[in-house]
Amino acid sequence: MSVFKQWMAAATVAEQNELARLAGTSRMYLYHIAADESTRYKRVPRRGLAQRLADGCEALRRASKGRLPRVQASDLNPLLAMQEA
């Protein structure tokens, strides 16, 4: 299971809505990003959205006192991990 899918499973509906608001996207699109590779609706966010999502996840992780897992931009877009190496 991807880190972001774990985040989505651990987050409340309110936290998911807040992440969508912080990142400038919709809660439904978060589910597309969290989907397994085997699904046709899986989406990979571009660099800017991946970073906004990672920043929002970190803010919400801190607010949850560590209940939510840490998500990095490279977890959301594998090409970013390749560029960091």
N, C-alpha and C. Protein backbone atom coordinates (compact mmCIF):
# COMPACT_ATOMS: atom_id res chain seq x y z
N MET A 1 0.84 -1.17 0.00
CA MET A 1 0.00 0.00 0.00
C MET A 1 0.89 1.24 0.00
N SER A 2 0.56 2.20 -0.84
CA SER A 2 1.38 3.41 -0.94
C SER A 2 1.24 4.24 0.34
N VAL A 3 2.22 5.07 0.58
CA VAL A 3 2.21 5.94 1.75
C VAL A 3 1.00 6.86 1.71
N PHE A 4 0.69 7.37 0.53
CA PHE A 4 -0.45 8.30 0.44
C PHE A 4 -1.76 7.56 0.66
N LYS A 5 -1.87 6.34 0.20
CA LYS A 5 -3.08 5.56 0.44
C LYS A 5 -3.23 5.30 1.94
N GLN A 6 -2.12 5.05 2.62
CA GLN A 6 -2.14 4.88 4.08
C GLN A 6 -2.59 6.18 4.75
N TRP A 7 -2.11 7.31 4.24
CA TRP A 7 -2.51 8.61 4.78
C TRP A 7 -4.02 8.78 4.63
N MET A 8 -4.53 8.49 3.44
CA MET A 8 -5.97 8.64 3.18
C MET A 8 -6.79 7.73 4.09
N ALA A 9 -6.31 6.52 4.33
CA ALA A 9 -7.04 5.58 5.19
C ALA A 9 -7.04 6.05 6.65
N ALA A 10 -5.96 6.70 7.08
CA ALA A 10 -5.84 7.15 8.46
C ALA A 10 -6.54 8.49 8.71
N ALA A 11 -6.71 9.28 7.66
CA ALA A 11 -7.26 10.63 7.81
C ALA A 11 -8.79 10.58 7.92
N THR A 12 -9.30 11.53 8.68
CA THR A 12 -10.75 11.70 8.76
C THR A 12 -11.24 12.40 7.49
N VAL A 13 -12.53 12.41 7.28
CA VAL A 13 -13.10 13.12 6.13
C VAL A 13 -12.74 14.60 6.22
N ALA A 14 -12.80 15.16 7.42
CA ALA A 14 -12.45 16.58 7.60
C ALA A 14 -10.98 16.83 7.23
N GLU A 15 -10.09 15.92 7.61
CA GLU A 15 -8.67 16.08 7.27
C GLU A 15 -8.45 15.94 5.77
N GLN A 16 -9.16 15.03 5.14
CA GLN A 16 -9.06 14.88 3.68
C GLN A 16 -9.55 16.14 2.99
N ASN A 17 -10.66 16.68 3.46
CA ASN A 17 -11.18 17.92 2.87
C ASN A 17 -10.21 19.08 3.08
N GLU A 18 -9.58 19.13 4.25
CA GLU A 18 -8.61 20.20 4.52
C GLU A 18 -7.39 20.05 3.62
N LEU A 19 -6.92 18.83 3.42
CA LEU A 19 -5.78 18.61 2.52
C LEU A 19 -6.14 19.06 1.11
N ALA A 20 -7.31 18.70 0.64
CA ALA A 20 -7.74 19.11 -0.70
C ALA A 20 -7.77 20.64 -0.80
N ARG A 21 -8.28 21.29 0.24
CA ARG A 21 -8.34 22.76 0.24
C ARG A 21 -6.93 23.35 0.22
N LEU A 22 -6.05 22.83 1.07
CA LEU A 22 -4.68 23.35 1.13
C LEU A 22 -3.93 23.18 -0.19
N ALA A 23 -4.19 22.07 -0.87
CA ALA A 23 -3.47 21.76 -2.12
C ALA A 23 -4.15 22.36 -3.34
N GLY A 24 -5.36 22.84 -3.19
CA GLY A 24 -6.07 23.42 -4.32
C GLY A 24 -6.62 22.37 -5.27
N THR A 25 -7.15 21.29 -4.71
CA THR A 25 -7.72 20.23 -5.53
C THR A 25 -8.99 19.73 -4.84
N SER A 26 -9.53 18.62 -5.30
CA SER A 26 -10.75 18.08 -4.71
C SER A 26 -10.44 16.80 -3.94
N ARG A 27 -11.33 16.47 -3.02
CA ARG A 27 -11.18 15.23 -2.27
C ARG A 27 -11.25 14.03 -3.20
N MET A 28 -12.08 14.09 -4.22
CA MET A 28 -12.20 12.99 -5.18
C MET A 28 -10.87 12.77 -5.90
N TYR A 29 -10.17 13.85 -6.24
CA TYR A 29 -8.89 13.70 -6.92
C TYR A 29 -7.85 13.06 -6.00
N LEU A 30 -7.96 13.32 -4.70
CA LEU A 30 -7.06 12.66 -3.75
C LEU A 30 -7.21 11.14 -3.84
N TYR A 31 -8.44 10.68 -4.02
CA TYR A 31 -8.67 9.24 -4.16
C TYR A 31 -8.06 8.71 -5.46
N HIS A 32 -8.08 9.49 -6.51
CA HIS A 32 -7.43 9.09 -7.77
C HIS A 32 -5.92 8.96 -7.57
N ILE A 33 -5.33 9.86 -6.82
CA ILE A 33 -3.89 9.81 -6.56
C ILE A 33 -3.54 8.61 -5.67
N ALA A 34 -4.42 8.31 -4.72
CA ALA A 34 -4.16 7.21 -3.78
C ALA A 34 -4.45 5.83 -4.37
N ALA A 35 -5.08 5.77 -5.53
CA ALA A 35 -5.49 4.49 -6.12
C ALA A 35 -4.29 3.60 -6.44
N ASP A 36 -4.55 2.30 -6.45
CA ASP A 36 -3.53 1.32 -6.82
C ASP A 36 -3.18 1.45 -8.30
N GLU A 37 -1.98 1.02 -8.64
CA GLU A 37 -1.51 1.08 -10.03
C GLU A 37 -2.41 0.27 -10.98
N SER A 38 -3.07 -0.73 -10.45
CA SER A 38 -3.89 -1.61 -11.30
C SER A 38 -5.20 -0.96 -11.75
N THR A 39 -5.56 0.17 -11.17
CA THR A 39 -6.82 0.82 -11.55
C THR A 39 -6.63 1.75 -12.73
N ARG A 40 -7.68 1.88 -13.50
CA ARG A 40 -7.62 2.75 -14.68
C ARG A 40 -7.65 4.23 -14.32
N TYR A 41 -8.15 4.55 -13.15
CA TYR A 41 -8.29 5.96 -12.78
C TYR A 41 -7.12 6.50 -11.95
N LYS A 42 -6.07 5.71 -11.77
CA LYS A 42 -4.88 6.15 -11.02
C LYS A 42 -4.30 7.40 -11.68
N ARG A 43 -3.97 8.39 -10.88
CA ARG A 43 -3.36 9.62 -11.37
C ARG A 43 -2.07 9.90 -10.60
N VAL A 44 -1.12 10.51 -11.28
CA VAL A 44 0.14 10.93 -10.66
C VAL A 44 0.17 12.46 -10.74
N PRO A 45 0.23 13.13 -9.59
CA PRO A 45 0.21 14.59 -9.62
C PRO A 45 1.52 15.16 -10.15
N ARG A 46 1.41 16.29 -10.80
CA ARG A 46 2.60 16.99 -11.26
C ARG A 46 3.37 17.55 -10.07
N ARG A 47 4.57 18.02 -10.34
CA ARG A 47 5.48 18.48 -9.29
C ARG A 47 4.84 19.48 -8.33
N GLY A 48 4.20 20.49 -8.84
CA GLY A 48 3.62 21.53 -7.99
C GLY A 48 2.54 20.99 -7.06
N LEU A 49 1.63 20.19 -7.60
CA LEU A 49 0.58 19.62 -6.78
C LEU A 49 1.16 18.61 -5.79
N ALA A 50 2.11 17.82 -6.23
CA ALA A 50 2.75 16.85 -5.33
C ALA A 50 3.38 17.57 -4.14
N GLN A 51 4.02 18.70 -4.39
CA GLN A 51 4.65 19.45 -3.30
C GLN A 51 3.61 20.07 -2.38
N ARG A 52 2.53 20.63 -2.95
CA ARG A 52 1.47 21.20 -2.11
C ARG A 52 0.81 20.13 -1.26
N LEU A 53 0.62 18.94 -1.84
CA LEU A 53 0.05 17.83 -1.08
C LEU A 53 0.98 17.40 0.05
N ALA A 54 2.27 17.29 -0.25
CA ALA A 54 3.24 16.91 0.77
C ALA A 54 3.27 17.95 1.90
N ASP A 55 3.24 19.22 1.55
CA ASP A 55 3.23 20.29 2.56
C ASP A 55 1.97 20.22 3.41
N GLY A 56 0.83 20.00 2.75
CA GLY A 56 -0.44 19.88 3.48
C GLY A 56 -0.47 18.65 4.37
N CYS A 57 0.05 17.54 3.87
CA CYS A 57 0.12 16.32 4.68
C CYS A 57 0.98 16.55 5.91
N GLU A 58 2.07 17.27 5.76
CA GLU A 58 2.96 17.53 6.89
C GLU A 58 2.26 18.42 7.92
N ALA A 59 1.56 19.44 7.47
CA ALA A 59 0.84 20.32 8.39
C ALA A 59 -0.22 19.53 9.16
N LEU A 60 -0.94 18.68 8.46
CA LEU A 60 -1.98 17.88 9.11
C LEU A 60 -1.39 16.79 10.00
N ARG A 61 -0.23 16.26 9.62
CA ARG A 61 0.45 15.27 10.47
C ARG A 61 0.84 15.91 11.80
N ARG A 62 1.36 17.12 11.73
CA ARG A 62 1.73 17.83 12.96
C ARG A 62 0.50 18.12 13.81
N ALA A 63 -0.57 18.55 13.16
CA ALA A 63 -1.81 18.84 13.89
C ALA A 63 -2.39 17.59 14.54
N SER A 64 -2.15 16.44 13.93
CA SER A 64 -2.66 15.18 14.48
C SER A 64 -1.69 14.58 15.50
N LYS A 65 -0.62 15.30 15.79
CA LYS A 65 0.42 14.85 16.73
C LYS A 65 1.03 13.51 16.32
N GLY A 66 1.24 13.37 14.99
CA GLY A 66 1.92 12.20 14.46
C GLY A 66 1.03 11.01 14.14
N ARG A 67 -0.28 11.15 14.31
CA ARG A 67 -1.19 10.05 13.99
C ARG A 67 -1.17 9.73 12.49
N LEU A 68 -1.06 10.77 11.68
CA LEU A 68 -1.03 10.58 10.23
C LEU A 68 0.40 10.31 9.77
N PRO A 69 0.57 9.46 8.76
CA PRO A 69 1.94 9.16 8.29
C PRO A 69 2.55 10.34 7.52
N ARG A 70 3.87 10.36 7.46
CA ARG A 70 4.60 11.38 6.72
C ARG A 70 4.53 11.03 5.23
N VAL A 71 4.22 12.03 4.42
CA VAL A 71 4.15 11.86 2.96
C VAL A 71 5.08 12.90 2.34
N GLN A 72 5.94 12.45 1.45
CA GLN A 72 6.84 13.36 0.74
C GLN A 72 6.39 13.46 -0.72
N ALA A 73 6.79 14.53 -1.38
CA ALA A 73 6.41 14.73 -2.78
C ALA A 73 6.86 13.56 -3.64
N SER A 74 8.01 12.99 -3.35
CA SER A 74 8.52 11.86 -4.13
C SER A 74 7.68 10.59 -3.92
N ASP A 75 6.91 10.53 -2.83
CA ASP A 75 5.98 9.41 -2.64
C ASP A 75 4.80 9.52 -3.59
N LEU A 76 4.49 10.73 -3.99
CA LEU A 76 3.34 10.99 -4.84
C LEU A 76 3.68 10.95 -6.33
N ASN A 77 4.89 11.33 -6.66
CA ASN A 77 5.34 11.34 -8.04
C ASN A 77 6.73 10.70 -8.10
N PRO A 78 6.83 9.46 -8.57
CA PRO A 78 8.11 8.76 -8.58
C PRO A 78 9.22 9.46 -9.37
N LEU A 79 8.87 10.27 -10.34
CA LEU A 79 9.88 10.98 -11.12
C LEU A 79 10.64 11.97 -10.24
N LEU A 80 10.00 12.49 -9.21
CA LEU A 80 10.67 13.43 -8.32
C LEU A 80 11.75 12.73 -7.51
N ALA A 81 11.55 11.47 -7.17
CA ALA A 81 12.56 10.70 -6.45
C ALA A 81 13.79 10.48 -7.33
N MET A 82 13.57 10.28 -8.61
CA MET A 82 14.67 10.07 -9.53
C MET A 82 15.50 11.35 -9.69
N GLN A 83 14.83 12.50 -9.66
CA GLN A 83 15.53 13.77 -9.81
C GLN A 83 16.33 14.11 -8.56
N GLU A 84 15.88 13.62 -7.38
CA GLU A 84 16.60 13.90 -6.13
C GLU A 84 17.88 13.09 -6.03
N ALA A 85 17.91 11.93 -6.69
CA ALA A 85 19.08 11.02 -6.58
C ALA A 85 20.29 11.54 -7.31
